[in-house]
């Protein structure tokens, strides 16, 4: 029951982000909200389909997750590489890889409860790009923050992006490695999903809440930490 509660919260966060994007006329929040709105039911469908042996339900979940990850890739482009040719090329390549991975899994392999390494690596690539760009911006903004040229709350957002996308990226990577080691050595796909998905979903929910609807206490903590660092830096001059 607990995993479905977390996935429900993730879906509700998706709706909230879409509403924020609609009011602010911002595609970035809308794309990210769409990601969560797709991935939450997709994860539930694939989890139930794997446990019950319902291949059609798993295929539907896989299709929703393909749409969700494509939206995440669009979010990454819009947020970190908007207008850049390189960003457009990476976005197109990652979306194409995820669609190809879906078609490969459904039409060629045909067994969704046992994902192919190609599919899993394509999924990891989508989250990996977001993790890379978030980390790149985090480093830039930390340097600016030291000089007083960046808002510490914005800097912290890039840290949160980097955390949850890295955690989610590791899920398909671990599954791909486990698949290469053999199903028995990997505890079986069903047990693997039960172990990996719930904690990853919790990390995503916590990080997204702290990013877009942070409690005032958390914002005060960020500001106090920034003030403390500034004082220490000033004392060393």
Protein backbone atom coordinates (compact mmCIF):
# COMPACT_ATOMS: atom_id res chain seq x y z
CA UNK A 1 0.00 0.00 0.00
CA UNK A 2 2.82 2.45 0.92
CA UNK A 3 4.38 2.50 -2.58
CA UNK A 4 1.02 3.39 -4.12
CA UNK A 5 0.60 6.24 -1.62
CA UNK A 6 3.98 7.64 -2.66
CA UNK A 7 3.12 7.29 -6.35
CA UNK A 8 -0.21 9.05 -5.72
CA UNK A 9 1.63 11.93 -4.07
CA UNK A 10 3.95 12.05 -7.07
CA UNK A 11 0.96 12.30 -9.41
CA UNK A 12 -0.58 15.07 -7.31
CA UNK A 13 2.72 16.95 -7.42
CA UNK A 14 2.59 16.61 -11.19
CA UNK A 15 -0.83 18.25 -11.28
CA UNK A 16 0.43 21.04 -9.00
CA UNK A 17 3.43 21.71 -11.25
CA UNK A 18 1.24 21.84 -14.35
CA UNK A 19 -0.96 24.40 -12.60
CA UNK A 20 2.12 26.43 -11.62
CA UNK A 21 3.36 26.31 -15.20
CA UNK A 22 -0.06 27.32 -16.52
CA UNK A 23 -0.27 30.35 -14.23
CA UNK A 24 3.32 31.40 -14.91
CA UNK A 25 3.08 30.52 -18.61
CA UNK A 26 6.21 28.44 -18.14
CA UNK A 27 6.77 25.30 -20.21
CA UNK A 28 9.47 24.02 -17.84
CA UNK A 29 7.14 23.40 -14.89
CA UNK A 30 4.45 22.05 -17.23
CA UNK A 31 6.89 19.55 -18.77
CA UNK A 32 8.13 18.40 -15.36
CA UNK A 33 4.58 18.13 -14.04
CA UNK A 34 3.64 16.06 -17.07
CA UNK A 35 6.61 13.81 -16.35
CA UNK A 36 5.33 12.99 -12.86
CA UNK A 37 1.74 12.72 -14.04
CA UNK A 38 2.80 10.04 -16.54
CA UNK A 39 5.41 8.20 -14.48
CA UNK A 40 3.26 7.79 -11.35
CA UNK A 41 0.50 5.67 -13.02
CA UNK A 42 3.12 4.05 -15.27
CA UNK A 43 5.06 2.78 -12.26
CA UNK A 44 1.89 1.52 -10.60
CA UNK A 45 0.79 -0.24 -13.80
CA UNK A 46 4.15 -1.89 -14.38
CA UNK A 47 4.40 -2.89 -10.72
CA UNK A 48 0.95 -4.50 -10.77
CA UNK A 49 1.49 -6.01 -14.22
CA UNK A 50 4.78 -7.57 -13.16
CA UNK A 51 3.27 -9.03 -9.99
CA UNK A 52 0.14 -10.41 -11.72
CA UNK A 53 1.76 -11.44 -15.00
CA UNK A 54 -0.54 -9.10 -16.94
CA UNK A 55 1.68 -8.23 -19.91
CA UNK A 56 -0.84 -5.86 -21.49
CA UNK A 57 -0.98 -3.74 -18.32
CA UNK A 58 2.80 -3.64 -18.19
CA UNK A 59 2.93 -2.53 -21.83
CA UNK A 60 0.49 0.30 -21.09
CA UNK A 61 2.63 1.38 -18.15
CA UNK A 62 5.71 1.25 -20.31
CA UNK A 63 4.04 3.49 -22.89
CA UNK A 64 3.12 6.06 -20.24
CA UNK A 65 6.67 6.03 -18.87
CA UNK A 66 8.02 6.64 -22.39
CA UNK A 67 5.86 9.76 -22.67
CA UNK A 68 6.90 10.84 -19.17
CA UNK A 69 10.63 10.52 -19.83
CA UNK A 70 10.24 12.34 -23.15
CA UNK A 71 8.65 15.21 -21.23
CA UNK A 72 11.54 15.14 -18.75
CA UNK A 73 14.00 15.44 -21.63
CA UNK A 74 11.97 18.40 -22.95
CA UNK A 75 12.09 19.95 -19.45
CA UNK A 76 15.88 19.57 -19.37
CA UNK A 77 16.25 21.23 -22.74
CA UNK A 78 13.89 24.06 -21.82
CA UNK A 79 15.57 24.70 -18.46
CA UNK A 80 19.25 24.23 -19.20
CA UNK A 81 19.85 24.34 -22.97
CA UNK A 82 17.02 26.39 -24.42
CA UNK A 83 17.83 27.70 -27.89
CA UNK A 84 21.12 25.79 -28.18
CA UNK A 85 21.67 23.50 -31.13
CA UNK A 86 23.50 20.97 -28.96
CA UNK A 87 20.54 20.87 -26.58
CA UNK A 88 18.12 20.30 -29.44
CA UNK A 89 20.23 17.44 -30.79
CA UNK A 90 20.57 15.75 -27.39
CA UNK A 91 16.84 16.14 -26.74
CA UNK A 92 15.93 14.62 -30.11
CA UNK A 93 18.42 11.77 -29.66
CA UNK A 94 17.23 10.86 -26.17
CA UNK A 95 13.54 10.94 -27.12
CA UNK A 96 14.29 8.80 -30.18
CA UNK A 97 16.25 6.32 -28.05
CA UNK A 98 13.42 6.01 -25.52
CA UNK A 99 10.81 5.46 -28.23
CA UNK A 100 13.10 2.92 -29.91
CA UNK A 101 13.61 1.21 -26.55
CA UNK A 102 9.86 0.98 -26.06
CA UNK A 103 9.32 -0.50 -29.55
CA UNK A 104 12.22 -2.89 -29.03
CA UNK A 105 10.79 -4.10 -25.75
CA UNK A 106 7.23 -4.53 -26.94
CA UNK A 107 7.64 -5.70 -30.51
CA UNK A 108 10.97 -7.54 -30.50
CA UNK A 109 11.58 -8.76 -26.99
CA UNK A 110 7.89 -8.74 -26.13
CA UNK A 111 8.31 -9.42 -22.41
CA UNK A 112 7.87 -6.23 -20.39
CA UNK A 113 8.42 -7.84 -16.95
CA UNK A 114 11.97 -8.56 -18.15
CA UNK A 115 13.22 -5.21 -19.57
CA UNK A 116 16.00 -5.28 -22.13
CA UNK A 117 19.31 -3.56 -21.41
CA UNK A 118 18.64 -1.25 -24.39
CA UNK A 119 15.38 -0.03 -22.87
CA UNK A 120 16.87 0.42 -19.42
CA UNK A 121 19.91 2.32 -20.65
CA UNK A 122 17.67 4.59 -22.75
CA UNK A 123 15.65 5.34 -19.62
CA UNK A 124 18.80 6.03 -17.62
CA UNK A 125 20.01 8.39 -20.35
CA UNK A 126 16.95 10.61 -19.98
CA UNK A 127 17.43 11.04 -16.23
CA UNK A 128 21.20 11.14 -16.63
CA UNK A 129 21.06 14.22 -18.87
CA UNK A 130 18.98 16.08 -16.29
CA UNK A 131 21.38 15.01 -13.54
CA UNK A 132 24.38 16.18 -15.58
CA UNK A 133 22.91 19.57 -16.43
CA UNK A 134 21.71 20.11 -12.85
CA UNK A 135 25.18 19.36 -11.51
CA UNK A 136 26.76 21.68 -14.10
CA UNK A 137 24.47 24.55 -13.10
CA UNK A 138 24.97 23.76 -9.40
CA UNK A 139 28.71 24.25 -9.76
CA UNK A 140 28.24 27.53 -11.66
CA UNK A 141 25.74 28.94 -9.18
CA UNK A 142 27.79 27.96 -6.15
CA UNK A 143 30.67 30.02 -7.51
CA UNK A 144 28.31 32.94 -8.11
CA UNK A 145 26.75 32.52 -4.68
CA UNK A 146 30.14 32.97 -3.02
CA UNK A 147 30.42 36.32 -4.80
CA UNK A 148 26.89 37.29 -3.83
CA UNK A 149 25.65 37.04 -7.41
CA UNK A 150 23.22 34.14 -6.99
CA UNK A 151 20.20 33.42 -4.83
CA UNK A 152 21.02 30.53 -2.44
CA UNK A 153 17.48 29.17 -2.84
CA UNK A 154 17.97 28.88 -6.62
CA UNK A 155 21.34 27.22 -6.08
CA UNK A 156 19.70 24.73 -3.74
CA UNK A 157 17.13 23.90 -6.42
CA UNK A 158 19.86 22.67 -8.72
CA UNK A 159 21.19 20.50 -5.88
CA UNK A 160 17.74 18.98 -5.39
CA UNK A 161 17.36 18.39 -9.14
CA UNK A 162 20.74 16.64 -9.18
CA UNK A 163 19.86 14.44 -6.20
CA UNK A 164 16.54 13.05 -7.40
CA UNK A 165 17.50 12.61 -11.04
CA UNK A 166 20.69 10.76 -10.04
CA UNK A 167 18.76 8.47 -7.71
CA UNK A 168 16.13 7.69 -10.37
CA UNK A 169 18.85 7.21 -13.01
CA UNK A 170 20.41 4.49 -10.85
CA UNK A 171 17.21 2.38 -10.88
CA UNK A 172 17.36 1.32 -14.57
CA UNK A 173 21.16 1.10 -14.41
CA UNK A 174 21.00 -1.36 -11.51
CA UNK A 175 18.30 -3.33 -13.30
CA UNK A 176 20.38 -3.46 -16.48
CA UNK A 177 23.44 -4.71 -14.58
CA UNK A 178 21.31 -7.22 -12.68
CA UNK A 179 19.86 -8.49 -15.95
CA UNK A 180 23.35 -9.14 -17.25
CA UNK A 181 24.17 -11.07 -14.07
CA UNK A 182 21.12 -13.27 -14.48
CA UNK A 183 17.64 -13.20 -13.00
CA UNK A 184 18.41 -15.44 -10.01
CA UNK A 185 21.48 -13.45 -9.02
CA UNK A 186 19.42 -10.28 -9.21
CA UNK A 187 16.70 -11.52 -6.78
CA UNK A 188 14.23 -11.66 -9.64
CA UNK A 189 12.62 -8.70 -11.38
CA UNK A 190 9.62 -8.48 -9.06
CA UNK A 191 11.73 -8.28 -5.91
CA UNK A 192 14.08 -5.84 -7.59
CA UNK A 193 11.24 -3.47 -8.45
CA UNK A 194 9.87 -3.72 -4.91
CA UNK A 195 13.28 -2.82 -3.51
CA UNK A 196 14.20 0.01 -5.89
CA UNK A 197 11.04 1.90 -6.84
CA UNK A 198 9.55 2.93 -3.43
CA UNK A 199 12.69 4.61 -1.99
CA UNK A 200 13.41 6.30 -5.33
CA UNK A 201 9.85 7.65 -5.43
CA UNK A 202 10.18 8.97 -1.87
CA UNK A 203 13.40 10.81 -2.77
CA UNK A 204 11.67 12.37 -5.79
CA UNK A 205 8.64 13.50 -3.78
CA UNK A 206 10.75 15.06 -1.01
CA UNK A 207 13.09 16.85 -3.44
CA UNK A 208 10.27 18.16 -5.64
CA UNK A 209 8.30 19.43 -2.63
CA UNK A 210 11.40 21.23 -1.32
CA UNK A 211 11.97 22.71 -4.79
CA UNK A 212 8.51 23.97 -5.74
CA UNK A 213 6.49 24.14 -2.51
CA UNK A 214 9.18 24.42 0.18
CA UNK A 215 8.13 24.93 3.81
CA UNK A 216 9.14 28.29 5.23
CA UNK A 217 11.33 26.52 7.78
CA UNK A 218 13.37 24.99 4.94
CA UNK A 219 13.80 28.36 3.22
CA UNK A 220 14.94 29.89 6.52
CA UNK A 221 17.44 27.04 6.90
CA UNK A 222 18.88 27.74 3.44
CA UNK A 223 19.13 31.46 4.18
CA UNK A 224 20.77 30.89 7.58
CA UNK A 225 23.29 28.49 6.07
CA UNK A 226 24.11 31.01 3.34
CA UNK A 227 24.53 33.80 5.90
CA UNK A 228 26.81 31.59 8.00
CA UNK A 229 28.98 30.74 4.99
CA UNK A 230 29.18 34.41 4.03
CA UNK A 231 30.29 35.37 7.53
CA UNK A 232 33.00 32.68 7.54
CA UNK A 233 34.17 33.78 4.10
CA UNK A 234 34.27 37.40 5.27
CA UNK A 235 36.26 36.43 8.33
CA UNK A 236 38.92 34.82 6.21
CA UNK A 237 39.50 37.97 4.15
